[in-house]
N, C-alpha and C. Protein backbone atom coordinates (compact mmCIF):
# COMPACT_ATOMS: atom_id res chain seq x y z
N UNK A 1 -0.80 5.66 14.31
CA UNK A 1 -0.34 5.46 12.61
C UNK A 1 -1.47 5.78 11.88
N UNK A 2 -1.51 7.04 11.38
CA UNK A 2 -2.88 7.52 10.28
C UNK A 2 -2.64 7.04 9.46
N UNK A 3 -1.80 6.45 8.69
CA UNK A 3 -1.50 5.82 6.93
C UNK A 3 -0.92 4.67 7.19
N UNK A 4 -1.03 3.99 6.16
CA UNK A 4 -0.30 2.66 6.23
C UNK A 4 1.02 2.94 5.42
N UNK A 5 2.03 1.99 5.84
CA UNK A 5 3.25 2.13 4.94
C UNK A 5 3.98 0.80 4.40
N UNK A 6 4.58 0.83 3.43
CA UNK A 6 5.40 -0.24 2.96
C UNK A 6 6.72 -0.07 2.91
N UNK A 7 7.58 -1.08 3.55
CA UNK A 7 8.66 -0.78 3.57
C UNK A 7 9.58 -1.76 2.85
N UNK A 8 10.27 -1.13 1.57
CA UNK A 8 11.11 -1.79 0.90
C UNK A 8 12.39 -1.50 1.44
N UNK A 9 13.01 -2.82 1.58
CA UNK A 9 14.72 -3.61 2.21
C UNK A 9 15.36 -3.62 1.19
N UNK A 10 16.43 -3.24 1.34
CA UNK A 10 17.50 -4.50 0.19
C UNK A 10 18.86 -3.62 0.20
N UNK A 11 20.23 -4.88 0.08
CA UNK A 11 21.45 -4.06 0.34
C UNK A 11 21.33 -2.75 -0.94
N UNK A 12 22.48 -1.89 -0.59
CA UNK A 12 22.52 -0.87 -1.55
C UNK A 12 22.61 -0.72 -3.14
N UNK A 13 21.95 -0.12 -3.78
CA UNK A 13 21.94 -0.40 -5.12
C UNK A 13 21.31 -1.70 -5.61
N UNK A 14 20.40 -2.58 -4.85
CA UNK A 14 19.69 -3.53 -5.50
C UNK A 14 19.00 -3.67 -6.74
N UNK A 15 18.65 -4.08 -7.57
CA UNK A 15 17.72 -3.35 -8.20
C UNK A 15 16.89 -4.01 -8.30
N UNK A 16 16.33 -5.10 -7.62
CA UNK A 16 15.22 -5.35 -7.03
C UNK A 16 14.33 -4.16 -6.11
N UNK A 17 15.12 -3.70 -5.29
CA UNK A 17 14.19 -1.84 -4.97
C UNK A 17 14.06 -1.27 -6.19
N UNK A 18 14.87 -1.26 -6.91
CA UNK A 18 14.87 -0.05 -7.61
C UNK A 18 13.60 -0.56 -8.78
N UNK A 19 13.18 -1.84 -9.03
CA UNK A 19 12.01 -2.25 -9.49
C UNK A 19 11.11 -1.92 -9.21
N UNK A 20 11.04 -2.25 -7.74
CA UNK A 20 10.05 -2.69 -6.96
C UNK A 20 9.53 -0.97 -7.16
N UNK A 21 10.40 -0.05 -6.52
CA UNK A 21 9.70 1.15 -6.42
C UNK A 21 9.45 1.98 -7.40
N UNK A 22 10.24 1.41 -8.42
CA UNK A 22 9.09 2.04 -10.20
C UNK A 22 7.88 1.29 -10.15
N UNK A 23 7.73 0.28 -9.86
CA UNK A 23 6.28 -0.27 -9.84
C UNK A 23 5.54 0.54 -9.11
N UNK A 24 5.57 1.04 -8.34
CA UNK A 24 5.29 1.90 -7.63
C UNK A 24 4.71 2.87 -7.61
N UNK A 25 5.40 3.86 -8.42
CA UNK A 25 5.50 4.79 -8.98
C UNK A 25 4.81 4.99 -10.04
N UNK A 26 4.41 3.97 -10.81
CA UNK A 26 3.26 4.16 -11.98
C UNK A 26 1.77 3.90 -11.56
N UNK A 27 1.62 4.10 -9.77
CA UNK A 27 0.26 4.34 -9.65
C UNK A 27 0.11 4.79 -8.63
N UNK A 28 0.72 6.29 -8.90
CA UNK A 28 0.78 7.21 -7.18
C UNK A 28 -0.81 7.44 -6.87
N UNK A 29 -1.65 7.45 -7.36
CA UNK A 29 -2.70 7.70 -7.11
C UNK A 29 -3.47 6.57 -6.37
N UNK A 30 -3.28 5.33 -7.21
CA UNK A 30 -3.37 3.70 -5.88
C UNK A 30 -3.11 4.17 -4.36
N UNK A 31 -2.03 4.86 -4.34
CA UNK A 31 -1.01 4.90 -3.68
C UNK A 31 -2.05 5.94 -2.48
N UNK A 32 -2.08 7.29 -2.97
CA UNK A 32 -2.56 7.70 -2.34
C UNK A 32 -3.89 7.65 -1.91
N UNK A 33 -4.69 6.62 -2.49
CA UNK A 33 -6.25 6.32 -2.46
C UNK A 33 -6.25 5.82 -1.24
N UNK A 34 -5.63 4.50 -1.21
CA UNK A 34 -4.91 3.93 0.29
C UNK A 34 -4.23 4.13 1.13
N UNK A 35 -3.67 5.52 0.73
CA UNK A 35 -3.23 6.17 2.23
C UNK A 35 -2.08 5.37 2.43
N UNK A 36 -0.95 5.61 1.70
CA UNK A 36 0.38 4.19 1.32
C UNK A 36 1.33 5.53 0.97
N UNK A 37 2.26 5.56 2.23
CA UNK A 37 3.77 5.93 2.00
C UNK A 37 4.25 4.36 2.36
N UNK A 38 5.28 5.26 1.45
CA UNK A 38 6.84 4.12 1.23
C UNK A 38 7.87 4.61 1.54
N UNK A 39 8.37 3.93 2.14
CA UNK A 39 9.79 3.98 2.57
C UNK A 39 11.02 3.05 2.10
N UNK A 40 11.69 3.41 1.76
CA UNK A 40 13.16 2.56 1.27
C UNK A 40 14.09 2.22 2.67
N UNK A 41 14.64 1.58 2.77
CA UNK A 41 15.81 0.85 3.97
C UNK A 41 16.53 0.31 3.09
N UNK A 42 18.06 0.26 3.88
CA UNK A 42 18.90 -0.41 3.81
C UNK A 42 18.64 -1.71 4.64
N UNK A 43 19.18 -3.12 3.87
CA UNK A 43 18.98 -4.21 4.36
C UNK A 43 20.14 -5.03 4.13
N UNK A 44 20.42 -6.36 4.68
CA UNK A 44 21.03 -7.55 3.87
C UNK A 44 20.08 -7.78 2.68
N UNK A 45 19.18 -7.97 2.94
CA UNK A 45 18.34 -8.72 1.97
C UNK A 45 17.31 -8.18 1.13
N UNK A 46 16.68 -8.29 0.31
CA UNK A 46 15.40 -7.67 -0.08
C UNK A 46 14.30 -8.13 0.60
N UNK A 47 13.24 -7.46 0.42
CA UNK A 47 12.22 -7.38 1.71
C UNK A 47 11.09 -6.26 1.52
N UNK A 48 10.14 -6.78 1.17
CA UNK A 48 9.01 -5.56 1.02
C UNK A 48 7.91 -6.46 2.73
N UNK A 49 7.58 -5.25 3.16
CA UNK A 49 6.60 -5.27 4.25
C UNK A 49 5.49 -4.16 4.61
N UNK A 50 4.32 -4.77 4.39
CA UNK A 50 2.93 -4.20 4.32
C UNK A 50 2.79 -3.95 5.99
N UNK A 51 3.01 -2.57 6.47
CA UNK A 51 2.46 -2.02 7.46
C UNK A 51 0.84 -1.25 7.71
N UNK A 52 0.29 -2.04 8.65
CA UNK A 52 -0.92 -1.11 8.88
C UNK A 52 -1.38 -0.19 9.58
N UNK A 53 -2.44 0.47 9.57
CA UNK A 53 -2.78 1.98 10.08
C UNK A 53 -2.99 1.68 11.49
N UNK A 54 -2.53 0.22 12.00
CA UNK A 54 -2.52 -0.04 13.33
C UNK A 54 -1.32 -0.62 13.88
N UNK A 55 -0.31 0.20 12.74
CA UNK A 55 1.20 -0.66 13.33
C UNK A 55 1.71 -1.73 13.24
N UNK A 56 0.70 -2.37 13.08
CA UNK A 56 0.79 -4.21 12.99
C UNK A 56 1.56 -4.68 11.36
N UNK A 57 1.98 -5.34 11.50
CA UNK A 57 2.38 -6.20 10.19
C UNK A 57 1.25 -7.14 9.50
N UNK A 58 0.93 -6.42 7.93
CA UNK A 58 -0.60 -7.47 7.82
C UNK A 58 0.46 -8.02 6.20
N UNK A 59 1.81 -7.98 5.95
CA UNK A 59 2.00 -8.63 4.81
C UNK A 59 3.32 -8.59 4.71
N UNK A 60 3.90 -9.69 4.41
CA UNK A 60 5.81 -9.55 4.07
C UNK A 60 6.52 -10.65 2.81
N UNK A 61 6.89 -10.08 1.78
CA UNK A 61 7.05 -10.51 0.54
C UNK A 61 8.76 -10.80 0.46
N UNK A 62 9.04 -11.89 -0.46
CA UNK A 62 10.63 -11.30 0.02
C UNK A 62 11.02 -11.18 -1.44
N UNK A 63 9.84 -11.25 -2.47
CA UNK A 63 10.71 -11.03 -3.79
C UNK A 63 9.58 -10.22 -3.98
N UNK A 64 9.48 -9.39 -5.67
CA UNK A 64 8.40 -8.37 -6.05
C UNK A 64 7.74 -8.70 -5.71
N UNK A 65 6.65 -7.54 -5.38
CA UNK A 65 4.89 -7.77 -5.44
C UNK A 65 4.35 -7.14 -6.21
N UNK A 66 3.26 -7.33 -7.08
CA UNK A 66 3.31 -6.56 -8.26
C UNK A 66 1.62 -5.39 -7.67
N UNK A 67 1.42 -4.70 -8.25
CA UNK A 67 0.96 -3.40 -7.87
C UNK A 67 -0.56 -3.90 -7.51
N UNK A 68 -1.24 -4.84 -8.55
CA UNK A 68 -2.58 -5.20 -8.46
C UNK A 68 -2.51 -6.32 -6.99
N UNK A 69 -1.28 -7.18 -6.94
CA UNK A 69 -1.94 -7.67 -5.36
C UNK A 69 -1.42 -7.28 -4.07
N UNK A 70 -0.81 -5.98 -4.32
CA UNK A 70 -0.75 -5.24 -2.81
C UNK A 70 -1.92 -3.94 -2.91
N UNK A 71 -2.43 -4.10 -3.98
CA UNK A 71 -3.48 -3.37 -3.72
C UNK A 71 -4.72 -4.32 -3.31
N UNK A 72 -4.83 -5.00 -3.55
CA UNK A 72 -5.86 -6.27 -3.46
C UNK A 72 -5.50 -6.45 -1.64
N UNK A 73 -4.33 -6.76 -1.29
CA UNK A 73 -4.44 -6.90 0.36
C UNK A 73 -4.82 -6.09 0.66
N UNK A 74 -4.37 -4.62 0.61
CA UNK A 74 -4.84 -3.47 1.22
C UNK A 74 -6.49 -3.08 1.02
N UNK A 75 -6.68 -3.67 -0.07
CA UNK A 75 -8.43 -3.31 0.31
C UNK A 75 -9.42 -4.61 0.61
N UNK A 76 -8.39 -5.61 0.95
CA UNK A 76 -9.45 -6.78 1.85
C UNK A 76 -8.80 -5.51 3.35
N UNK A 77 -8.17 -5.10 3.99
CA UNK A 77 -8.19 -5.12 4.97
C UNK A 77 -8.92 -4.04 5.74
N UNK A 78 -9.67 -4.49 6.65
CA UNK A 78 -10.68 -3.64 7.58
C UNK A 78 -10.66 -2.39 7.76
N UNK A 79 -9.59 -1.63 7.50
CA UNK A 79 -9.86 -0.14 8.02
C UNK A 79 -10.14 0.46 6.20
N UNK A 80 -9.37 -0.22 5.37
CA UNK A 80 -9.80 0.08 3.76
C UNK A 80 -11.59 -0.16 3.22
N UNK A 81 -11.82 -1.46 4.29
CA UNK A 81 -13.05 -1.63 3.10
C UNK A 81 -14.04 -0.74 4.30
N UNK A 82 -13.81 -0.32 5.17
CA UNK A 82 -14.71 1.00 6.17
C UNK A 82 -14.36 1.62 5.49
N UNK A 83 -13.71 2.30 4.76
CA UNK A 83 -13.33 3.32 4.17
C UNK A 83 -14.03 3.31 2.39
N UNK A 84 -13.97 2.20 2.01
CA UNK A 84 -14.87 1.88 0.88
C UNK A 84 -16.34 1.86 0.79
N UNK A 85 -16.90 0.91 2.28
CA UNK A 85 -18.06 2.12 3.03
C UNK A 85 -18.66 2.88 3.14
N UNK A 86 -18.08 3.95 3.70
CA UNK A 86 -18.53 4.75 3.58
C UNK A 86 -18.24 5.73 2.89
N UNK A 87 -17.08 6.12 1.27
CA UNK A 87 -17.07 6.54 0.57
C UNK A 87 -18.73 6.15 -0.76
N UNK A 88 -18.90 5.09 -0.24
CA UNK A 88 -19.89 4.44 -1.42
C UNK A 88 -21.13 4.92 -0.97
N UNK A 89 -21.50 5.05 0.61
CA UNK A 89 -22.40 5.57 1.22
C UNK A 89 -22.57 7.06 1.55
N UNK A 90 -21.84 7.99 0.83
CA UNK A 90 -21.50 9.63 0.75
C UNK A 90 -21.99 9.29 -0.78
N UNK A 91 -21.42 8.78 -1.54
CA UNK A 91 -21.61 8.98 -3.12
C UNK A 91 -23.08 8.53 -3.50
N UNK A 92 -23.83 7.42 -2.53
CA UNK A 92 -25.40 7.55 -3.03
C UNK A 92 -25.97 8.18 -2.47
N UNK A 93 -25.83 9.41 -1.26
CA UNK A 93 -26.49 10.28 -0.78
C UNK A 93 -25.95 11.27 -1.72
N UNK A 94 -25.29 11.31 -2.43
CA UNK A 94 -25.04 12.76 -2.95
C UNK A 94 -25.86 12.55 -4.47
N UNK A 95 -25.42 11.31 -4.77
CA UNK A 95 -26.76 11.01 -5.78
C UNK A 95 -27.94 11.42 -5.52
N UNK A 96 -28.85 10.90 -4.44
CA UNK A 96 -30.24 11.04 -4.04
C UNK A 96 -30.13 12.33 -4.03
N UNK A 97 -29.36 13.79 -3.22
CA UNK A 97 -30.08 14.47 -3.20
C UNK A 97 -29.84 16.00 -4.94
N UNK A 98 -29.31 15.10 -5.48
CA UNK A 98 -29.04 15.50 -7.02
C UNK A 98 -30.51 15.50 -7.67
């Protein structure tokens, strides 16, 4: 798996699913920066699952999850922390070259 996946599950027409997806659409750049794909699935009850790049389940919520909470959870993941460190190192090298 090369990207993270957020799976939003719920019954057809569930307003919680629509609300969760709407909240995520408010920050498409944040999702892209975190290499996050969003998948909607039909299921018996509402649930949000965060799958890591390793394919493992990293978090599960049975209610709406705020974008700030979700971003914080992803930003604490080892692969994301490494990505942020590498980006910071690259930016400092670019600054020194200028």
